[in-house]
Amino acid sequence: MIPLYMDEHVPRAITIGLRLRGIDVLTVQEDNFSGKSDPELLDRAVFLKRTVFSHDDDLLVEATKRQRSDQLFYGIIYAHHLNVPIGTCVKDIELLAKIVKSRK
């Protein structure tokens, strides 16, 4: 199972729903890392060995830069906040988190 690092704009209901399903979730707020830049967020997730979940389009740009330069990061799960209902988001992330082998 992959541990997740929730970006600060992710609704609390998604975090709660995932935790109720046994997913290892840490929020940026719980980690006292709110307000940091996208590069800092991805660096922190690497340090924590966690995959980031976000609704932030700009984070995808930073991830693309990292992929193209072979810079380490543990991945991003992205869902557009207007196109994916919370319940669907929780179910889909749970499936990903449980079928992908952890990097720990």
PDB file of N, CA and C in Angstrom:
ATOM      1  N   MET A   1       0.845  -1.181   0.000  1.00  0.00           N
ATOM      2  CA  MET A   1       0.000   0.000   0.000  1.00  0.00           C
ATOM      3  C   MET A   1       0.893   1.248   0.000  1.00  0.00           C
ATOM      4  N   ILE A   2       0.505   2.227  -0.773  1.00  0.00           N
ATOM      5  CA  ILE A   2       1.316   3.445  -0.823  1.00  0.00           C
ATOM      6  C   ILE A   2       0.810   4.471   0.188  1.00  0.00           C
ATOM      7  N   PRO A   3       1.723   5.096   0.914  1.00  0.00           N
ATOM      8  CA  PRO A   3       1.345   6.173   1.833  1.00  0.00           C
ATOM      9  C   PRO A   3       1.141   7.468   1.044  1.00  0.00           C
ATOM     10  N   LEU A   4       0.147   8.243   1.446  1.00  0.00           N
ATOM     11  CA  LEU A   4      -0.213   9.463   0.723  1.00  0.00           C
ATOM     12  C   LEU A   4       0.094  10.718   1.524  1.00  0.00           C
ATOM     13  N   TYR A   5       0.394  11.780   0.783  1.00  0.00           N
ATOM     14  CA  TYR A   5       0.630  13.113   1.343  1.00  0.00           C
ATOM     15  C   TYR A   5      -0.371  14.038   0.673  1.00  0.00           C
ATOM     16  N   MET A   6      -1.322  14.532   1.442  1.00  0.00           N
ATOM     17  CA  MET A   6      -2.422  15.324   0.906  1.00  0.00           C
ATOM     18  C   MET A   6      -2.057  16.798   0.825  1.00  0.00           C
ATOM     19  N   ASP A   7      -2.175  17.352  -0.384  1.00  0.00           N
ATOM     20  CA  ASP A   7      -1.946  18.772  -0.615  1.00  0.00           C
ATOM     21  C   ASP A   7      -2.948  19.581   0.220  1.00  0.00           C
ATOM     22  N   GLU A   8      -2.610  20.817   0.509  1.00  0.00           N
ATOM     23  CA  GLU A   8      -3.432  21.608   1.425  1.00  0.00           C
ATOM     24  C   GLU A   8      -4.812  21.970   0.902  1.00  0.00           C
ATOM     25  N   HIS A   9      -5.069  21.838  -0.384  1.00  0.00           N
ATOM     26  CA  HIS A   9      -6.365  22.204  -0.938  1.00  0.00           C
ATOM     27  C   HIS A   9      -7.323  21.022  -1.065  1.00  0.00           C
ATOM     28  N   VAL A  10      -6.905  19.856  -0.645  1.00  0.00           N
ATOM     29  CA  VAL A  10      -7.747  18.666  -0.717  1.00  0.00           C
ATOM     30  C   VAL A  10      -8.801  18.736   0.395  1.00  0.00           C
ATOM     31  N   PRO A  11     -10.071  18.530   0.025  1.00  0.00           N
ATOM     32  CA  PRO A  11     -11.120  18.558   1.053  1.00  0.00           C
ATOM     33  C   PRO A  11     -10.887  17.518   2.151  1.00  0.00           C
ATOM     34  N   ARG A  12     -11.170  17.920   3.353  1.00  0.00           N
ATOM     35  CA  ARG A  12     -11.006  17.053   4.525  1.00  0.00           C
ATOM     36  C   ARG A  12     -11.804  15.759   4.392  1.00  0.00           C
ATOM     37  N   ALA A  13     -12.944  15.835   3.712  1.00  0.00           N
ATOM     38  CA  ALA A  13     -13.788  14.644   3.539  1.00  0.00           C
ATOM     39  C   ALA A  13     -13.049  13.531   2.793  1.00  0.00           C
ATOM     40  N   ILE A  14     -12.181  13.889   1.881  1.00  0.00           N
ATOM     41  CA  ILE A  14     -11.404  12.877   1.156  1.00  0.00           C
ATOM     42  C   ILE A  14     -10.406  12.208   2.099  1.00  0.00           C
ATOM     43  N   THR A  15      -9.719  13.005   2.889  1.00  0.00           N
ATOM     44  CA  THR A  15      -8.759  12.454   3.856  1.00  0.00           C
ATOM     45  C   THR A  15      -9.465  11.532   4.852  1.00  0.00           C
ATOM     46  N   ILE A  16     -10.586  11.981   5.381  1.00  0.00           N
ATOM     47  CA  ILE A  16     -11.340  11.169   6.346  1.00  0.00           C
ATOM     48  C   ILE A  16     -11.809   9.868   5.697  1.00  0.00           C
ATOM     49  N   GLY A  17     -12.356   9.975   4.486  1.00  0.00           N
ATOM     50  CA  GLY A  17     -12.831   8.785   3.785  1.00  0.00           C
ATOM     51  C   GLY A  17     -11.733   7.765   3.560  1.00  0.00           C
ATOM     52  N   LEU A  18     -10.556   8.236   3.205  1.00  0.00           N
ATOM     53  CA  LEU A  18      -9.435   7.320   2.994  1.00  0.00           C
ATOM     54  C   LEU A  18      -8.976   6.682   4.295  1.00  0.00           C
ATOM     55  N   ARG A  19      -8.925   7.460   5.334  1.00  0.00           N
ATOM     56  CA  ARG A  19      -8.511   6.905   6.637  1.00  0.00           C
ATOM     57  C   ARG A  19      -9.504   5.854   7.125  1.00  0.00           C
ATOM     58  N   LEU A  20     -10.779   6.077   6.884  1.00  0.00           N
ATOM     59  CA  LEU A  20     -11.794   5.092   7.273  1.00  0.00           C
ATOM     60  C   LEU A  20     -11.628   3.777   6.509  1.00  0.00           C
ATOM     61  N   ARG A  21     -10.963   3.844   5.384  1.00  0.00           N
ATOM     62  CA  ARG A  21     -10.696   2.657   4.564  1.00  0.00           C
ATOM     63  C   ARG A  21      -9.298   2.091   4.808  1.00  0.00           C
ATOM     64  N   GLY A  22      -8.622   2.599   5.824  1.00  0.00           N
ATOM     65  CA  GLY A  22      -7.325   2.046   6.221  1.00  0.00           C
ATOM     66  C   GLY A  22      -6.132   2.541   5.420  1.00  0.00           C
ATOM     67  N   ILE A  23      -6.280   3.659   4.708  1.00  0.00           N
ATOM     68  CA  ILE A  23      -5.183   4.198   3.912  1.00  0.00           C
ATOM     69  C   ILE A  23      -4.323   5.106   4.793  1.00  0.00           C
ATOM     70  N   ASP A  24      -3.014   4.987   4.650  1.00  0.00           N
ATOM     71  CA  ASP A  24      -2.052   5.812   5.386  1.00  0.00           C
ATOM     72  C   ASP A  24      -1.997   7.193   4.737  1.00  0.00           C
ATOM     73  N   VAL A  25      -2.561   8.182   5.417  1.00  0.00           N
ATOM     74  CA  VAL A  25      -2.668   9.539   4.879  1.00  0.00           C
ATOM     75  C   VAL A  25      -2.066  10.531   5.876  1.00  0.00           C
ATOM     76  N   LEU A  26      -1.242  11.433   5.348  1.00  0.00           N
ATOM     77  CA  LEU A  26      -0.709  12.551   6.126  1.00  0.00           C
ATOM     78  C   LEU A  26      -1.039  13.817   5.358  1.00  0.00           C
ATOM     79  N   THR A  27      -1.630  14.805   6.033  1.00  0.00           N
ATOM     80  CA  THR A  27      -1.939  16.058   5.354  1.00  0.00           C
ATOM     81  C   THR A  27      -0.796  17.049   5.539  1.00  0.00           C
ATOM     82  N   VAL A  28      -0.714  17.973   4.596  1.00  0.00           N
ATOM     83  CA  VAL A  28       0.277  19.044   4.679  1.00  0.00           C
ATOM     84  C   VAL A  28       0.076  19.828   5.978  1.00  0.00           C
ATOM     85  N   GLN A  29      -1.176  20.035   6.360  1.00  0.00           N
ATOM     86  CA  GLN A  29      -1.469  20.778   7.583  1.00  0.00           C
ATOM     87  C   GLN A  29      -0.963  20.039   8.818  1.00  0.00           C
ATOM     88  N   GLU A  30      -1.173  18.743   8.880  1.00  0.00           N
ATOM     89  CA  GLU A  30      -0.696  17.949  10.016  1.00  0.00           C
ATOM     90  C   GLU A  30       0.829  17.940  10.092  1.00  0.00           C
ATOM     91  N   ASP A  31       1.452  18.088   8.948  1.00  0.00           N
ATOM     92  CA  ASP A  31       2.909  18.080   8.853  1.00  0.00           C
ATOM     93  C   ASP A  31       3.499  19.489   9.036  1.00  0.00           C
ATOM     94  N   ASN A  32       2.630  20.453   9.350  1.00  0.00           N
ATOM     95  CA  ASN A  32       3.054  21.859   9.494  1.00  0.00           C
ATOM     96  C   ASN A  32       3.819  22.342   8.269  1.00  0.00           C
ATOM     97  N   PHE A  33       3.301  22.011   7.081  1.00  0.00           N
ATOM     98  CA  PHE A  33       3.978  22.349   5.833  1.00  0.00           C
ATOM     99  C   PHE A  33       3.072  23.152   4.893  1.00  0.00           C
ATOM    100  N   SER A  34       2.044  23.769   5.428  1.00  0.00           N
ATOM    101  CA  SER A  34       1.123  24.580   4.623  1.00  0.00           C
ATOM    102  C   SER A  34       1.832  25.797   4.060  1.00  0.00           C
ATOM    103  N   GLY A  35       1.387  26.220   2.884  1.00  0.00           N
ATOM    104  CA  GLY A  35       1.903  27.443   2.286  1.00  0.00           C
ATOM    105  C   GLY A  35       3.229  27.314   1.566  1.00  0.00           C
ATOM    106  N   LYS A  36       3.748  26.120   1.468  1.00  0.00           N
ATOM    107  CA  LYS A  36       5.039  25.918   0.793  1.00  0.00           C
ATOM    108  C   LYS A  36       4.839  25.859  -0.727  1.00  0.00           C
ATOM    109  N   SER A  37       5.909  26.089  -1.452  1.00  0.00           N
ATOM    110  CA  SER A  37       5.866  26.046  -2.915  1.00  0.00           C
ATOM    111  C   SER A  37       5.715  24.595  -3.398  1.00  0.00           C
ATOM    112  N   ASP A  38       5.336  24.446  -4.652  1.00  0.00           N
ATOM    113  CA  ASP A  38       5.200  23.103  -5.217  1.00  0.00           C
ATOM    114  C   ASP A  38       6.513  22.321  -5.182  1.00  0.00           C
ATOM    115  N   PRO A  39       7.655  22.930  -5.548  1.00  0.00           N
ATOM    116  CA  PRO A  39       8.913  22.177  -5.427  1.00  0.00           C
ATOM    117  C   PRO A  39       9.196  21.734  -3.981  1.00  0.00           C
ATOM    118  N   GLU A  40       8.926  22.612  -3.025  1.00  0.00           N
ATOM    119  CA  GLU A  40       9.146  22.244  -1.617  1.00  0.00           C
ATOM    120  C   GLU A  40       8.219  21.112  -1.205  1.00  0.00           C
ATOM    121  N   LEU A  41       6.977  21.147  -1.684  1.00  0.00           N
ATOM    122  CA  LEU A  41       6.006  20.109  -1.359  1.00  0.00           C
ATOM    123  C   LEU A  41       6.473  18.750  -1.892  1.00  0.00           C
ATOM    124  N   LEU A  42       6.926  18.729  -3.131  1.00  0.00           N
ATOM    125  CA  LEU A  42       7.409  17.466  -3.700  1.00  0.00           C
ATOM    126  C   LEU A  42       8.684  16.983  -3.010  1.00  0.00           C
ATOM    127  N   ASP A  43       9.562  17.904  -2.648  1.00  0.00           N
ATOM    128  CA  ASP A  43      10.767  17.522  -1.896  1.00  0.00           C
ATOM    129  C   ASP A  43      10.399  16.912  -0.551  1.00  0.00           C
ATOM    130  N   ARG A  44       9.431  17.506   0.114  1.00  0.00           N
ATOM    131  CA  ARG A  44       8.997  16.988   1.419  1.00  0.00           C
ATOM    132  C   ARG A  44       8.390  15.594   1.259  1.00  0.00           C
ATOM    133  N   ALA A  45       7.590  15.407   0.219  1.00  0.00           N
ATOM    134  CA  ALA A  45       6.987  14.100  -0.025  1.00  0.00           C
ATOM    135  C   ALA A  45       8.065  13.045  -0.294  1.00  0.00           C
ATOM    136  N   VAL A  46       9.127  13.432  -0.999  1.00  0.00           N
ATOM    137  CA  VAL A  46      10.249  12.508  -1.224  1.00  0.00           C
ATOM    138  C   VAL A  46      10.893  12.143   0.111  1.00  0.00           C
ATOM    139  N   PHE A  47      11.142  13.145   0.940  1.00  0.00           N
ATOM    140  CA  PHE A  47      11.739  12.902   2.253  1.00  0.00           C
ATOM    141  C   PHE A  47      10.875  11.930   3.068  1.00  0.00           C
ATOM    142  N   LEU A  48       9.554  12.093   2.974  1.00  0.00           N
ATOM    143  CA  LEU A  48       8.616  11.256   3.719  1.00  0.00           C
ATOM    144  C   LEU A  48       8.297   9.935   3.008  1.00  0.00           C
ATOM    145  N   LYS A  49       8.782   9.784   1.759  1.00  0.00           N
ATOM    146  CA  LYS A  49       8.490   8.604   0.938  1.00  0.00           C
ATOM    147  C   LYS A  49       6.994   8.411   0.735  1.00  0.00           C
ATOM    148  N   ARG A  50       6.339   9.515   0.323  1.00  0.00           N
ATOM    149  CA  ARG A  50       4.895   9.503   0.111  1.00  0.00           C
ATOM    150  C   ARG A  50       4.539  10.023  -1.276  1.00  0.00           C
ATOM    151  N   THR A  51       3.444   9.536  -1.790  1.00  0.00           N
ATOM    152  CA  THR A  51       2.877  10.021  -3.039  1.00  0.00           C
ATOM    153  C   THR A  51       1.929  11.166  -2.714  1.00  0.00           C
ATOM    154  N   VAL A  52       2.001  12.229  -3.495  1.00  0.00           N
ATOM    155  CA  VAL A  52       1.160  13.406  -3.259  1.00  0.00           C
ATOM    156  C   VAL A  52      -0.191  13.227  -3.940  1.00  0.00           C
ATOM    157  N   PHE A  53      -1.259  13.582  -3.238  1.00  0.00           N
ATOM    158  CA  PHE A  53      -2.575  13.714  -3.869  1.00  0.00           C
ATOM    159  C   PHE A  53      -2.921  15.191  -3.889  1.00  0.00           C
ATOM    160  N   SER A  54      -3.385  15.658  -5.055  1.00  0.00           N
ATOM    161  CA  SER A  54      -3.649  17.080  -5.200  1.00  0.00           C
ATOM    162  C   SER A  54      -4.745  17.360  -6.220  1.00  0.00           C
ATOM    163  N   HIS A  55      -5.337  18.545  -6.094  1.00  0.00           N
ATOM    164  CA  HIS A  55      -6.253  19.108  -7.093  1.00  0.00           C
ATOM    165  C   HIS A  55      -5.552  20.237  -7.850  1.00  0.00           C
ATOM    166  N   ASP A  56      -4.285  20.476  -7.592  1.00  0.00           N
ATOM    167  CA  ASP A  56      -3.541  21.627  -8.088  1.00  0.00           C
ATOM    168  C   ASP A  56      -2.912  21.351  -9.458  1.00  0.00           C
ATOM    169  N   ASP A  57      -3.406  22.052 -10.485  1.00  0.00           N
ATOM    170  CA  ASP A  57      -2.852  21.893 -11.833  1.00  0.00           C
ATOM    171  C   ASP A  57      -1.380  22.271 -11.892  1.00  0.00           C
ATOM    172  N   ASP A  58      -0.986  23.286 -11.147  1.00  0.00           N
ATOM    173  CA  ASP A  58       0.404  23.748 -11.170  1.00  0.00           C
ATOM    174  C   ASP A  58       1.372  22.681 -10.671  1.00  0.00           C
ATOM    175  N   LEU A  59       0.924  21.844  -9.772  1.00  0.00           N
ATOM    176  CA  LEU A  59       1.782  20.774  -9.263  1.00  0.00           C
ATOM    177  C   LEU A  59       2.121  19.779 -10.374  1.00  0.00           C
ATOM    178  N   LEU A  60       1.216  19.610 -11.310  1.00  0.00           N
ATOM    179  CA  LEU A  60       1.473  18.728 -12.453  1.00  0.00           C
ATOM    180  C   LEU A  60       2.610  19.273 -13.317  1.00  0.00           C
ATOM    181  N   VAL A  61       2.684  20.599 -13.438  1.00  0.00           N
ATOM    182  CA  VAL A  61       3.767  21.228 -14.192  1.00  0.00           C
ATOM    183  C   VAL A  61       5.108  20.918 -13.532  1.00  0.00           C
ATOM    184  N   GLU A  62       5.165  21.069 -12.213  1.00  0.00           N
ATOM    185  CA  GLU A  62       6.408  20.775 -11.482  1.00  0.00           C
ATOM    186  C   GLU A  62       6.770  19.295 -11.597  1.00  0.00           C
ATOM    187  N   ALA A  63       5.783  18.424 -11.532  1.00  0.00           N
ATOM    188  CA  ALA A  63       6.053  16.990 -11.659  1.00  0.00           C
ATOM    189  C   ALA A  63       6.594  16.655 -13.047  1.00  0.00           C
ATOM    190  N   THR A  64       6.054  17.299 -14.056  1.00  0.00           N
ATOM    191  CA  THR A  64       6.533  17.081 -15.422  1.00  0.00           C
ATOM    192  C   THR A  64       7.994  17.499 -15.555  1.00  0.00           C
ATOM    193  N   LYS A  65       8.341  18.630 -14.957  1.00  0.00           N
ATOM    194  CA  LYS A  65       9.741  19.082 -14.977  1.00  0.00           C
ATOM    195  C   LYS A  65      10.646  18.039 -14.331  1.00  0.00           C
ATOM    196  N   ARG A  66      10.185  17.500 -13.229  1.00  0.00           N
ATOM    197  CA  ARG A  66      10.996  16.504 -12.509  1.00  0.00           C
ATOM    198  C   ARG A  66      11.152  15.224 -13.316  1.00  0.00           C
ATOM    199  N   GLN A  67      10.078  14.805 -13.962  1.00  0.00           N
ATOM    200  CA  GLN A  67      10.161  13.604 -14.785  1.00  0.00           C
ATOM    201  C   GLN A  67      11.163  13.797 -15.917  1.00  0.00           C
ATOM    202  N   ARG A  68      11.089  14.927 -16.572  1.00  0.00           N
ATOM    203  CA  ARG A  68      11.953  15.195 -17.721  1.00  0.00           C
ATOM    204  C   ARG A  68      13.424  15.333 -17.334  1.00  0.00           C
ATOM    205  N   SER A  69      13.685  15.722 -16.098  1.00  0.00           N
ATOM    206  CA  SER A  69      15.071  15.876 -15.651  1.00  0.00           C
ATOM    207  C   SER A  69      15.532  14.700 -14.787  1.00  0.00           C
ATOM    208  N   ASP A  70      14.727  13.634 -14.755  1.00  0.00           N
ATOM    209  CA  ASP A  70      15.040  12.432 -13.956  1.00  0.00           C
ATOM    210  C   ASP A  70      15.265  12.745 -12.479  1.00  0.00           C
ATOM    211  N   GLN A  71      14.545  13.724 -11.978  1.00  0.00           N
ATOM    212  CA  GLN A  71      14.636  14.088 -10.559  1.00  0.00           C
ATOM    213  C   GLN A  71      13.648  13.224  -9.768  1.00  0.00           C
ATOM    214  N   LEU A  72      14.108  12.686  -8.665  1.00  0.00           N
ATOM    215  CA  LEU A  72      13.308  11.777  -7.858  1.00  0.00           C
ATOM    216  C   LEU A  72      12.075  12.444  -7.259  1.00  0.00           C
ATOM    217  N   PHE A  73      10.939  11.789  -7.402  1.00  0.00           N
ATOM    218  CA  PHE A  73       9.745  12.073  -6.609  1.00  0.00           C
ATOM    219  C   PHE A  73       8.891  10.820  -6.641  1.00  0.00           C
ATOM    220  N   TYR A  74       7.994  10.682  -5.673  1.00  0.00           N
ATOM    221  CA  TYR A  74       7.245   9.445  -5.501  1.00  0.00           C
ATOM    222  C   TYR A  74       5.883   9.452  -6.175  1.00  0.00           C
ATOM    223  N   GLY A  75       5.678  10.395  -7.072  1.00  0.00           N
ATOM    224  CA  GLY A  75       4.452  10.393  -7.853  1.00  0.00           C
ATOM    225  C   GLY A  75       3.395  11.344  -7.324  1.00  0.00           C
ATOM    226  N   ILE A  76       2.432  11.576  -8.205  1.00  0.00           N
ATOM    227  CA  ILE A  76       1.300  12.437  -7.888  1.00  0.00           C
ATOM    228  C   ILE A  76       0.041  11.736  -8.364  1.00  0.00           C
ATOM    229  N   ILE A  77      -0.956  11.768  -7.528  1.00  0.00           N
ATOM    230  CA  ILE A  77      -2.304  11.375  -7.916  1.00  0.00           C
ATOM    231  C   ILE A  77      -3.077  12.677  -8.020  1.00  0.00           C
ATOM    232  N   TYR A  78      -3.675  12.904  -9.176  1.00  0.00           N
ATOM    233  CA  TYR A  78      -4.367  14.169  -9.425  1.00  0.00           C
ATOM    234  C   TYR A  78      -5.823  13.905  -9.788  1.00  0.00           C
ATOM    235  N   ALA A  79      -6.707  14.744  -9.271  1.00  0.00           N
ATOM    236  CA  ALA A  79      -8.114  14.729  -9.662  1.00  0.00           C
ATOM    237  C   ALA A  79      -8.590  16.168  -9.706  1.00  0.00           C
ATOM    238  N   HIS A  80      -9.248  16.523 -10.782  1.00  0.00           N
ATOM    239  CA  HIS A  80      -9.794  17.881 -10.896  1.00  0.00           C
ATOM    240  C   HIS A  80     -10.942  18.021  -9.908  1.00  0.00           C
ATOM    241  N   HIS A  81     -10.910  19.064  -9.109  1.00  0.00           N
ATOM    242  CA  HIS A  81     -11.889  19.207  -8.023  1.00  0.00           C
ATOM    243  C   HIS A  81     -13.323  19.403  -8.511  1.00  0.00           C
ATOM    244  N   LEU A  82     -13.534  19.833  -9.727  1.00  0.00           N
ATOM    245  CA  LEU A  82     -14.895  20.029 -10.234  1.00  0.00           C
ATOM    246  C   LEU A  82     -15.417  18.817 -11.000  1.00  0.00           C
ATOM    247  N   ASN A  83     -14.531  17.950 -11.456  1.00  0.00           N
ATOM    248  CA  ASN A  83     -14.940  16.833 -12.300  1.00  0.00           C
ATOM    249  C   ASN A  83     -15.057  15.494 -11.590  1.00  0.00           C
ATOM    250  N   VAL A  84     -14.531  15.401 -10.387  1.00  0.00           N
ATOM    251  CA  VAL A  84     -14.552  14.124  -9.672  1.00  0.00           C
ATOM    252  C   VAL A  84     -15.232  14.306  -8.315  1.00  0.00           C
ATOM    253  N   PRO A  85     -16.411  13.707  -8.133  1.00  0.00           N
ATOM    254  CA  PRO A  85     -17.086  13.808  -6.828  1.00  0.00           C
ATOM    255  C   PRO A  85     -16.236  13.186  -5.715  1.00  0.00           C
ATOM    256  N   ILE A  86     -16.421  13.666  -4.504  1.00  0.00           N
ATOM    257  CA  ILE A  86     -15.615  13.205  -3.370  1.00  0.00           C
ATOM    258  C   ILE A  86     -15.694  11.689  -3.189  1.00  0.00           C
ATOM    259  N   GLY A  87     -16.867  11.115  -3.245  1.00  0.00           N
ATOM    260  CA  GLY A  87     -17.003   9.663  -3.066  1.00  0.00           C
ATOM    261  C   GLY A  87     -16.241   8.870  -4.113  1.00  0.00           C
ATOM    262  N   THR A  88     -16.329   9.293  -5.353  1.00  0.00           N
ATOM    263  CA  THR A  88     -15.595   8.641  -6.440  1.00  0.00           C
ATOM    264  C   THR A  88     -14.097   8.797  -6.226  1.00  0.00           C
ATOM    265  N   CYS A  89     -13.690   9.977  -5.826  1.00  0.00           N
ATOM    266  CA  CYS A  89     -12.282  10.252  -5.572  1.00  0.00           C
ATOM    267  C   CYS A  89     -11.740   9.316  -4.490  1.00  0.00           C
ATOM    268  N   VAL A  90     -12.460   9.171  -3.408  1.00  0.00           N
ATOM    269  CA  VAL A  90     -12.030   8.300  -2.306  1.00  0.00           C
ATOM    270  C   VAL A  90     -11.901   6.857  -2.790  1.00  0.00           C
ATOM    271  N   LYS A  91     -12.904   6.369  -3.511  1.00  0.00           N
ATOM    272  CA  LYS A  91     -12.866   4.982  -3.999  1.00  0.00           C
ATOM    273  C   LYS A  91     -11.689   4.757  -4.951  1.00  0.00           C
ATOM    274  N   ASP A  92     -11.478   5.694  -5.864  1.00  0.00           N
ATOM    275  CA  ASP A  92     -10.398   5.545  -6.835  1.00  0.00           C
ATOM    276  C   ASP A  92      -9.017   5.601  -6.169  1.00  0.00           C
ATOM    277  N   ILE A  93      -8.843   6.527  -5.237  1.00  0.00           N
ATOM    278  CA  ILE A  93      -7.551   6.635  -4.542  1.00  0.00           C
ATOM    279  C   ILE A  93      -7.311   5.400  -3.678  1.00  0.00           C
ATOM    280  N   GLU A  94      -8.356   4.913  -3.030  1.00  0.00           N
ATOM    281  CA  GLU A  94      -8.219   3.693  -2.227  1.00  0.00           C
ATOM    282  C   GLU A  94      -7.727   2.545  -3.101  1.00  0.00           C
ATOM    283  N   LEU A  95      -8.312   2.390  -4.265  1.00  0.00           N
ATOM    284  CA  LEU A  95      -7.902   1.326  -5.181  1.00  0.00           C
ATOM    285  C   LEU A  95      -6.433   1.473  -5.564  1.00  0.00           C
ATOM    286  N   LEU A  96      -6.035   2.682  -5.946  1.00  0.00           N
ATOM    287  CA  LEU A  96      -4.630   2.914  -6.296  1.00  0.00           C
ATOM    288  C   LEU A  96      -3.700   2.627  -5.130  1.00  0.00           C
ATOM    289  N   ALA A  97      -4.053   3.137  -3.962  1.00  0.00           N
ATOM    290  CA  ALA A  97      -3.196   2.980  -2.784  1.00  0.00           C
ATOM    291  C   ALA A  97      -3.017   1.513  -2.395  1.00  0.00           C
ATOM    292  N   LYS A  98      -4.052   0.709  -2.621  1.00  0.00           N
ATOM    293  CA  LYS A  98      -3.979  -0.686  -2.208  1.00  0.00           C
ATOM    294  C   LYS A  98      -3.337  -1.597  -3.241  1.00  0.00           C
ATOM    295  N   ILE A  99      -3.373  -1.231  -4.522  1.00  0.00           N
ATOM    296  CA  ILE A  99      -2.805  -2.131  -5.525  1.00  0.00           C
ATOM    297  C   ILE A  99      -1.374  -1.802  -5.900  1.00  0.00           C
ATOM    298  N   VAL A 100      -0.950  -0.581  -5.599  1.00  0.00           N
ATOM    299  CA  VAL A 100       0.422  -0.198  -5.919  1.00  0.00           C
ATOM    300  C   VAL A 100       1.315  -0.537  -4.737  1.00  0.00           C
ATOM    301  N   LYS A 101       2.398  -1.220  -5.002  1.00  0.00           N
ATOM    302  CA  LYS A 101       3.314  -1.618  -3.934  1.00  0.00           C
ATOM    303  C   LYS A 101       4.037  -0.406  -3.364  1.00  0.00           C
ATOM    304  N   SER A 102       4.137  -0.335  -2.071  1.00  0.00           N
ATOM    305  CA  SER A 102       4.846   0.757  -1.381  1.00  0.00           C
ATOM    306  C   SER A 102       6.335   0.712  -1.692  1.00  0.00           C
ATOM    307  N   ARG A 103       6.950   1.892  -1.640  1.00  0.00           N
ATOM    308  CA  ARG A 103       8.393   2.009  -1.890  1.00  0.00           C
ATOM    309  C   ARG A 103       9.187   2.013  -0.593  1.00  0.00           C
ATOM    310  N   LYS A 104       8.609   1.687   0.515  1.00  0.00           N
ATOM    311  CA  LYS A 104       9.337   1.724   1.787  1.00  0.00           C
ATOM    312  C   LYS A 104      10.234   0.527   1.938  1.00  0.00           C
TER     313      LYS A 104
END
